[in-house]
Amino acid sequence: MQFIRLTRRQVADNDGFQVAIACDGRIVGAVGFHGVDWTHRSTSIGYWLDAGHQGRGIMTRAVRALGDHALRACELNRVEIRAAPDNLPRPLCGAVYASSSASDDDRSR
């Protein structure tokens, strides 16, 4: 319940949002903005996906869509993908980053 309260507050404060990824009526992941720096017009994306649904391109498509939304609809200038240090060596985490059309440091215009 705390996560739901925090995400509702995030939307109310115009500080980004989180969305669920559902498969067969069950939440299998989430993707969203950690927050939006409106002064510098930037944000970072965080995500998680159930192990049984990884390797199918689900998160790649979700991250790409969210990045495009940030740059186009929100008119942000910089979007970073943030990964927990424990996730960096994981091949699938890197695959999402690599296939999201991100540059070496971030995705920006």
C-alpha atoms as a PDB file:
ATOM      1  CA  MET A   1       0.000   0.000   0.000  1.00  0.00           C
ATOM      2  CA  GLN A   2       2.874   2.406   0.653  1.00  0.00           C
ATOM      3  CA  PHE A   3       4.010   2.146  -2.988  1.00  0.00           C
ATOM      4  CA  ILE A   4       0.496   3.022  -4.169  1.00  0.00           C
ATOM      5  CA  ARG A   5       0.334   6.011  -1.825  1.00  0.00           C
ATOM      6  CA  LEU A   6       3.756   7.215  -2.998  1.00  0.00           C
ATOM      7  CA  THR A   7       2.870   6.901  -6.681  1.00  0.00           C
ATOM      8  CA  ARG A   8      -0.431   8.721  -6.167  1.00  0.00           C
ATOM      9  CA  ARG A   9       1.465  11.522  -4.424  1.00  0.00           C
ATOM     10  CA  GLN A  10       3.982  11.576  -7.284  1.00  0.00           C
ATOM     11  CA  VAL A  11       1.186  12.166  -9.816  1.00  0.00           C
ATOM     12  CA  ALA A  12      -0.512  14.773  -7.611  1.00  0.00           C
ATOM     13  CA  ASP A  13       2.802  16.651  -7.297  1.00  0.00           C
ATOM     14  CA  ASN A  14       3.418  16.514 -11.082  1.00  0.00           C
ATOM     15  CA  ASP A  15       6.617  14.604 -10.344  1.00  0.00           C
ATOM     16  CA  GLY A  16       6.234  11.762 -12.848  1.00  0.00           C
ATOM     17  CA  PHE A  17       4.304   8.518 -12.663  1.00  0.00           C
ATOM     18  CA  GLN A  18       4.576   4.742 -12.475  1.00  0.00           C
ATOM     19  CA  VAL A  19       2.690   2.247 -14.619  1.00  0.00           C
ATOM     20  CA  ALA A  20       2.068  -1.441 -14.133  1.00  0.00           C
ATOM     21  CA  ILE A  21       2.922  -4.000 -16.776  1.00  0.00           C
ATOM     22  CA  ALA A  22       0.232  -6.673 -16.849  1.00  0.00           C
ATOM     23  CA  CYS A  23       0.092 -10.039 -18.539  1.00  0.00           C
ATOM     24  CA  ASP A  24      -3.001 -12.239 -18.419  1.00  0.00           C
ATOM     25  CA  GLY A  25      -4.574  -9.940 -15.819  1.00  0.00           C
ATOM     26  CA  ARG A  26      -1.609 -10.144 -13.440  1.00  0.00           C
ATOM     27  CA  ILE A  27       0.955  -7.425 -12.674  1.00  0.00           C
ATOM     28  CA  VAL A  28       4.342  -8.728 -13.806  1.00  0.00           C
ATOM     29  CA  GLY A  29       6.341  -5.502 -13.675  1.00  0.00           C
ATOM     30  CA  ALA A  30       6.392  -1.748 -13.494  1.00  0.00           C
ATOM     31  CA  VAL A  31       8.158   1.141 -15.175  1.00  0.00           C
ATOM     32  CA  GLY A  32       8.142   4.820 -14.353  1.00  0.00           C
ATOM     33  CA  PHE A  33       9.930   8.050 -13.628  1.00  0.00           C
ATOM     34  CA  HIS A  34      11.905   8.366 -10.401  1.00  0.00           C
ATOM     35  CA  GLY A  35      10.856  12.009 -10.416  1.00  0.00           C
ATOM     36  CA  VAL A  36      10.989  14.947 -12.796  1.00  0.00           C
ATOM     37  CA  ASP A  37      13.399  17.857 -12.515  1.00  0.00           C
ATOM     38  CA  TRP A  38      11.307  20.465 -14.297  1.00  0.00           C
ATOM     39  CA  THR A  39      13.981  23.157 -13.899  1.00  0.00           C
ATOM     40  CA  HIS A  40      16.516  21.103 -15.870  1.00  0.00           C
ATOM     41  CA  ARG A  41      13.799  19.252 -17.826  1.00  0.00           C
ATOM     42  CA  SER A  42      15.160  15.825 -16.960  1.00  0.00           C
ATOM     43  CA  THR A  43      14.101  12.551 -15.401  1.00  0.00           C
ATOM     44  CA  SER A  44      15.289   9.010 -14.845  1.00  0.00           C
ATOM     45  CA  ILE A  45      13.485   5.766 -15.556  1.00  0.00           C
ATOM     46  CA  GLY A  46      13.332   2.820 -13.207  1.00  0.00           C
ATOM     47  CA  TYR A  47      11.775  -0.569 -13.828  1.00  0.00           C
ATOM     48  CA  TRP A  48      11.368  -4.147 -12.664  1.00  0.00           C
ATOM     49  CA  LEU A  49      10.012  -7.224 -14.382  1.00  0.00           C
ATOM     50  CA  ASP A  50       9.165 -10.696 -13.118  1.00  0.00           C
ATOM     51  CA  ALA A  51      11.893 -13.191 -14.074  1.00  0.00           C
ATOM     52  CA  GLY A  52       9.402 -15.369 -15.930  1.00  0.00           C
ATOM     53  CA  HIS A  53       8.610 -12.523 -18.333  1.00  0.00           C
ATOM     54  CA  GLN A  54      12.158 -11.378 -19.040  1.00  0.00           C
ATOM     55  CA  GLY A  55      13.865 -11.904 -22.372  1.00  0.00           C
ATOM     56  CA  ARG A  56      10.738 -11.205 -24.435  1.00  0.00           C
ATOM     57  CA  GLY A  57      11.313  -7.532 -25.209  1.00  0.00           C
ATOM     58  CA  ILE A  58       8.510  -6.436 -22.884  1.00  0.00           C
ATOM     59  CA  MET A  59      10.640  -4.063 -20.856  1.00  0.00           C
ATOM     60  CA  THR A  60      12.557  -2.803 -23.877  1.00  0.00           C
ATOM     61  CA  ARG A  61       9.271  -1.690 -25.455  1.00  0.00           C
ATOM     62  CA  ALA A  62       8.034  -0.194 -22.179  1.00  0.00           C
ATOM     63  CA  VAL A  63      11.246   1.776 -21.551  1.00  0.00           C
ATOM     64  CA  ARG A  64      11.330   2.996 -25.148  1.00  0.00           C
ATOM     65  CA  ALA A  65       7.691   4.150 -24.927  1.00  0.00           C
ATOM     66  CA  LEU A  66       8.274   5.927 -21.617  1.00  0.00           C
ATOM     67  CA  GLY A  67      11.428   7.612 -22.927  1.00  0.00           C
ATOM     68  CA  ASP A  68       9.590   8.784 -26.029  1.00  0.00           C
ATOM     69  CA  HIS A  69       6.746  10.088 -23.841  1.00  0.00           C
ATOM     70  CA  ALA A  70       9.230  12.006 -21.680  1.00  0.00           C
ATOM     71  CA  LEU A  71      10.919  13.630 -24.667  1.00  0.00           C
ATOM     72  CA  ARG A  72       7.824  14.349 -26.733  1.00  0.00           C
ATOM     73  CA  ALA A  73       4.777  14.772 -24.508  1.00  0.00           C
ATOM     74  CA  CYS A  74       6.568  16.085 -21.409  1.00  0.00           C
ATOM     75  CA  GLU A  75       9.111  18.020 -23.512  1.00  0.00           C
ATOM     76  CA  LEU A  76      12.007  16.909 -21.325  1.00  0.00           C
ATOM     77  CA  ASN A  77      15.572  17.231 -22.599  1.00  0.00           C
ATOM     78  CA  ARG A  78      17.238  14.367 -20.753  1.00  0.00           C
ATOM     79  CA  VAL A  79      16.148  10.872 -19.781  1.00  0.00           C
ATOM     80  CA  GLU A  80      18.440   8.534 -17.866  1.00  0.00           C
ATOM     81  CA  ILE A  81      17.970   4.856 -17.214  1.00  0.00           C
ATOM     82  CA  ARG A  82      18.903   4.077 -13.649  1.00  0.00           C
ATOM     83  CA  ALA A  83      19.778   0.549 -12.572  1.00  0.00           C
ATOM     84  CA  ALA A  84      20.552  -0.673  -9.088  1.00  0.00           C
ATOM     85  CA  PRO A  85      24.250  -1.615  -8.850  1.00  0.00           C
ATOM     86  CA  ASP A  86      23.351  -5.262  -8.227  1.00  0.00           C
ATOM     87  CA  ASN A  87      21.510  -5.350 -11.566  1.00  0.00           C
ATOM     88  CA  LEU A  88      24.302  -3.956 -13.741  1.00  0.00           C
ATOM     89  CA  PRO A  89      26.080  -7.267 -14.364  1.00  0.00           C
ATOM     90  CA  ARG A  90      22.830  -8.920 -15.384  1.00  0.00           C
ATOM     91  CA  PRO A  91      22.698  -9.405 -19.146  1.00  0.00           C
ATOM     92  CA  LEU A  92      18.983  -8.669 -19.490  1.00  0.00           C
ATOM     93  CA  CYS A  93      19.291  -5.369 -17.621  1.00  0.00           C
ATOM     94  CA  GLY A  94      21.988  -4.334 -20.063  1.00  0.00           C
ATOM     95  CA  ALA A  95      19.923  -5.559 -22.994  1.00  0.00           C
ATOM     96  CA  VAL A  96      17.040  -3.256 -22.088  1.00  0.00           C
ATOM     97  CA  TYR A  97      19.445  -0.343 -21.907  1.00  0.00           C
ATOM     98  CA  ALA A  98      21.211  -1.194 -25.151  1.00  0.00           C
ATOM     99  CA  SER A  99      18.049  -1.749 -27.152  1.00  0.00           C
ATOM    100  CA  SER A 100      16.216   1.315 -25.833  1.00  0.00           C
ATOM    101  CA  SER A 101      18.189   3.539 -28.249  1.00  0.00           C
ATOM    102  CA  ALA A 102      19.968   5.190 -25.340  1.00  0.00           C
ATOM    103  CA  SER A 103      23.384   6.780 -25.722  1.00  0.00           C
ATOM    104  CA  ASP A 104      26.295   5.699 -23.547  1.00  0.00           C
ATOM    105  CA  ASP A 105      25.222   7.939 -20.660  1.00  0.00           C
ATOM    106  CA  ASP A 106      21.581   8.700 -21.253  1.00  0.00           C
ATOM    107  CA  ARG A 107      18.963   9.443 -23.787  1.00  0.00           C
ATOM    108  CA  SER A 108      18.735  13.123 -24.541  1.00  0.00           C
ATOM    109  CA  ARG A 109      18.004  15.536 -27.312  1.00  0.00           C
END
